[in-house]
């Protein structure tokens, strides 16, 4: 019970990740302005930022993804991400409600909490479904445990890559840092 209360309290604190800064364009950035930032960024910088985000997700183990179901937010635990062909992917099943919500509205936010409980990352952007068989096969090859549940050609496995991404690295002891890809 204490762990559940701690996790809930931590998630509430993470929502206040703004470090008491005045309202800035960054907080009110729309999709178009984020897109411009990532379009003018070098491919090397995008890939470096993407690798940093994926390493963070892997360090956290589980991460939580928020989607929208009508006017109701939904949050679920995920545990795998991969960079394939210079894109950061997550994976789920097409029969799941989470996939149906992502298909209707690709906007999402991920929250990943480090085991210390004092550092977290919020990642937002848009998810795009990728039906490429080779990408699905590579994802499964890197995550052997998923092969008992999914097949690359089973018409259930969904791999989705992240676009227009903004990652905010937060901590109780340091100012927020932001990267895009």
Protein backbone atom coordinates (compact mmCIF):
# COMPACT_ATOMS: atom_id res chain seq x y z
CA UNK A 1 0.00 0.00 0.00
CA UNK A 2 2.88 2.38 0.83
CA UNK A 3 4.40 1.75 -2.61
CA UNK A 4 1.10 2.58 -4.31
CA UNK A 5 0.72 5.81 -2.31
CA UNK A 6 4.35 6.74 -3.06
CA UNK A 7 3.87 6.06 -6.79
CA UNK A 8 0.69 8.14 -6.87
CA UNK A 9 2.31 11.02 -4.97
CA UNK A 10 5.33 10.89 -7.26
CA UNK A 11 3.13 11.05 -10.36
CA UNK A 12 1.35 14.08 -8.93
CA UNK A 13 4.68 15.79 -8.28
CA UNK A 14 5.85 14.96 -11.80
CA UNK A 15 2.85 16.79 -13.19
CA UNK A 16 4.28 19.92 -11.60
CA UNK A 17 7.55 19.60 -13.53
CA UNK A 18 7.63 23.26 -14.53
CA UNK A 19 10.19 24.28 -11.86
CA UNK A 20 8.13 27.41 -11.04
CA UNK A 21 9.05 29.13 -14.30
CA UNK A 22 6.82 31.82 -15.77
CA UNK A 23 4.66 30.71 -18.66
CA UNK A 24 6.82 30.42 -21.74
CA UNK A 25 6.28 29.59 -25.38
CA UNK A 26 7.83 26.19 -24.66
CA UNK A 27 4.95 25.23 -22.41
CA UNK A 28 2.41 26.53 -24.93
CA UNK A 29 4.21 25.23 -27.99
CA UNK A 30 1.86 23.90 -30.61
CA UNK A 31 2.56 20.97 -32.91
CA UNK A 32 3.61 23.21 -35.78
CA UNK A 33 6.30 25.05 -33.84
CA UNK A 34 7.71 21.78 -32.48
CA UNK A 35 7.79 20.45 -36.02
CA UNK A 36 9.76 23.49 -37.18
CA UNK A 37 12.32 22.95 -34.41
CA UNK A 38 12.83 19.31 -35.36
CA UNK A 39 12.88 20.08 -39.09
CA UNK A 40 15.75 22.55 -38.70
CA UNK A 41 17.68 20.21 -36.38
CA UNK A 42 20.47 18.11 -37.86
CA UNK A 43 19.90 14.39 -38.33
CA UNK A 44 22.79 13.71 -35.94
CA UNK A 45 21.24 15.86 -33.19
CA UNK A 46 17.84 14.21 -33.65
CA UNK A 47 19.39 10.75 -33.40
CA UNK A 48 21.50 11.75 -30.36
CA UNK A 49 18.39 13.07 -28.59
CA UNK A 50 16.39 9.99 -29.56
CA UNK A 51 19.11 7.68 -28.19
CA UNK A 52 19.18 9.65 -24.94
CA UNK A 53 15.41 9.28 -24.57
CA UNK A 54 15.46 5.57 -25.34
CA UNK A 55 18.32 4.96 -22.88
CA UNK A 56 16.28 6.76 -20.23
CA UNK A 57 13.23 4.60 -20.96
CA UNK A 58 15.34 1.44 -20.70
CA UNK A 59 16.89 2.63 -17.40
CA UNK A 60 13.39 3.13 -15.99
CA UNK A 61 12.19 -0.34 -17.05
CA UNK A 62 8.48 0.38 -17.15
CA UNK A 63 7.08 3.65 -18.40
CA UNK A 64 3.54 4.96 -18.52
CA UNK A 65 1.81 6.16 -21.65
CA UNK A 66 -1.24 8.41 -21.60
CA UNK A 67 -3.76 8.37 -24.44
CA UNK A 68 -7.22 9.87 -24.90
CA UNK A 69 -10.49 7.93 -24.95
CA UNK A 70 -13.10 10.51 -25.93
CA UNK A 71 -12.75 13.07 -23.14
CA UNK A 72 -11.20 10.58 -20.69
CA UNK A 73 -7.42 10.21 -20.30
CA UNK A 74 -6.12 6.64 -20.09
CA UNK A 75 -2.72 5.57 -18.72
CA UNK A 76 -0.99 2.21 -19.13
CA UNK A 77 2.36 0.67 -18.37
CA UNK A 78 4.66 -0.18 -21.27
CA UNK A 79 8.11 -1.72 -21.13
CA UNK A 80 9.76 -1.82 -24.56
CA UNK A 81 11.06 0.74 -27.01
CA UNK A 82 13.53 0.39 -29.86
CA UNK A 83 15.32 2.63 -32.30
CA UNK A 84 15.05 1.12 -35.77
CA UNK A 85 15.94 2.99 -38.97
CA UNK A 86 16.49 6.20 -36.97
CA UNK A 87 12.98 6.12 -35.48
CA UNK A 88 11.98 5.48 -31.86
CA UNK A 89 9.27 2.80 -31.71
CA UNK A 90 6.94 1.40 -29.10
CA UNK A 91 4.80 -1.68 -29.63
CA UNK A 92 1.37 -2.98 -28.68
CA UNK A 93 -1.42 -5.19 -29.98
CA UNK A 94 -4.05 -3.92 -32.40
CA UNK A 95 -6.82 -5.69 -30.46
CA UNK A 96 -6.07 -3.58 -27.36
CA UNK A 97 -8.02 -0.45 -26.48
CA UNK A 98 -4.76 1.51 -26.23
CA UNK A 99 -4.03 0.87 -29.92
CA UNK A 100 -7.55 1.88 -30.91
CA UNK A 101 -7.12 5.14 -28.99
CA UNK A 102 -3.73 5.77 -30.61
CA UNK A 103 -5.22 5.13 -34.05
CA UNK A 104 -7.96 7.72 -33.41
CA UNK A 105 -5.65 10.31 -31.88
CA UNK A 106 -1.90 9.84 -32.22
CA UNK A 107 -1.05 12.43 -29.56
CA UNK A 108 0.40 10.89 -26.41
CA UNK A 109 2.54 11.53 -23.37
CA UNK A 110 4.89 9.12 -21.66
CA UNK A 111 6.08 9.49 -18.10
CA UNK A 112 9.09 7.44 -17.02
CA UNK A 113 10.33 7.44 -13.42
CA UNK A 114 13.90 6.44 -12.53
CA UNK A 115 14.20 3.83 -9.74
CA UNK A 116 15.51 6.56 -7.40
CA UNK A 117 12.06 8.19 -7.52
CA UNK A 118 13.62 11.65 -7.80
CA UNK A 119 14.16 11.87 -11.57
CA UNK A 120 11.62 11.48 -14.35
CA UNK A 121 11.07 12.23 -17.99
CA UNK A 122 7.93 13.35 -19.79
CA UNK A 123 7.88 12.60 -23.51
CA UNK A 124 5.14 13.94 -25.78
CA UNK A 125 4.56 13.86 -29.49
CA UNK A 126 2.61 11.94 -32.09
CA UNK A 127 2.57 8.20 -32.76
CA UNK A 128 2.53 6.88 -36.32
CA UNK A 129 1.69 3.25 -37.12
CA UNK A 130 4.28 1.41 -39.24
CA UNK A 131 3.19 -1.76 -41.04
CA UNK A 132 6.68 -2.56 -42.37
CA UNK A 133 7.28 -6.29 -41.84
CA UNK A 134 11.06 -5.85 -41.50
CA UNK A 135 10.59 -3.32 -38.65
CA UNK A 136 8.23 -5.68 -36.82
CA UNK A 137 10.67 -8.57 -37.24
CA UNK A 138 13.56 -6.46 -35.94
CA UNK A 139 11.50 -5.31 -32.95
CA UNK A 140 10.72 -8.94 -32.06
CA UNK A 141 14.33 -10.03 -32.57
CA UNK A 142 15.43 -7.43 -30.02
CA UNK A 143 12.65 -8.45 -27.59
CA UNK A 144 12.59 -12.25 -27.59
CA UNK A 145 10.03 -12.42 -24.76
CA UNK A 146 7.40 -10.86 -27.04
CA UNK A 147 7.68 -13.68 -29.58
CA UNK A 148 5.38 -15.87 -27.49
CA UNK A 149 2.61 -13.24 -27.80
CA UNK A 150 3.17 -11.65 -31.23
CA UNK A 151 4.25 -12.56 -34.73
CA UNK A 152 5.46 -9.96 -37.22
CA UNK A 153 2.84 -11.03 -39.74
CA UNK A 154 -0.06 -11.80 -37.37
CA UNK A 155 -2.05 -8.62 -38.18
CA UNK A 156 -2.18 -7.89 -34.45
CA UNK A 157 1.32 -6.59 -33.74
CA UNK A 158 1.48 -2.80 -34.00
CA UNK A 159 4.75 -0.90 -34.02
CA UNK A 160 4.40 2.86 -33.74
CA UNK A 161 7.12 5.46 -34.09
CA UNK A 162 7.29 8.81 -32.39
CA UNK A 163 7.31 12.09 -34.33
CA UNK A 164 7.33 15.73 -33.22
CA UNK A 165 8.81 14.59 -29.93
CA UNK A 166 9.65 16.75 -26.94
CA UNK A 167 11.29 15.13 -23.93
CA UNK A 168 11.47 16.99 -20.64
CA UNK A 169 13.98 15.64 -18.13
CA UNK A 170 12.96 16.59 -14.61
CA UNK A 171 14.42 16.20 -11.15
CA UNK A 172 13.88 17.42 -7.62
CA UNK A 173 17.48 18.66 -7.59
CA UNK A 174 18.07 20.20 -11.05
CA UNK A 175 16.31 22.47 -13.51
CA UNK A 176 14.20 20.92 -16.25
CA UNK A 177 16.05 20.12 -19.48
CA UNK A 178 14.32 19.69 -22.83
CA UNK A 179 15.28 17.89 -26.05
CA UNK A 180 13.39 17.43 -29.31
CA UNK A 181 13.51 14.92 -32.13
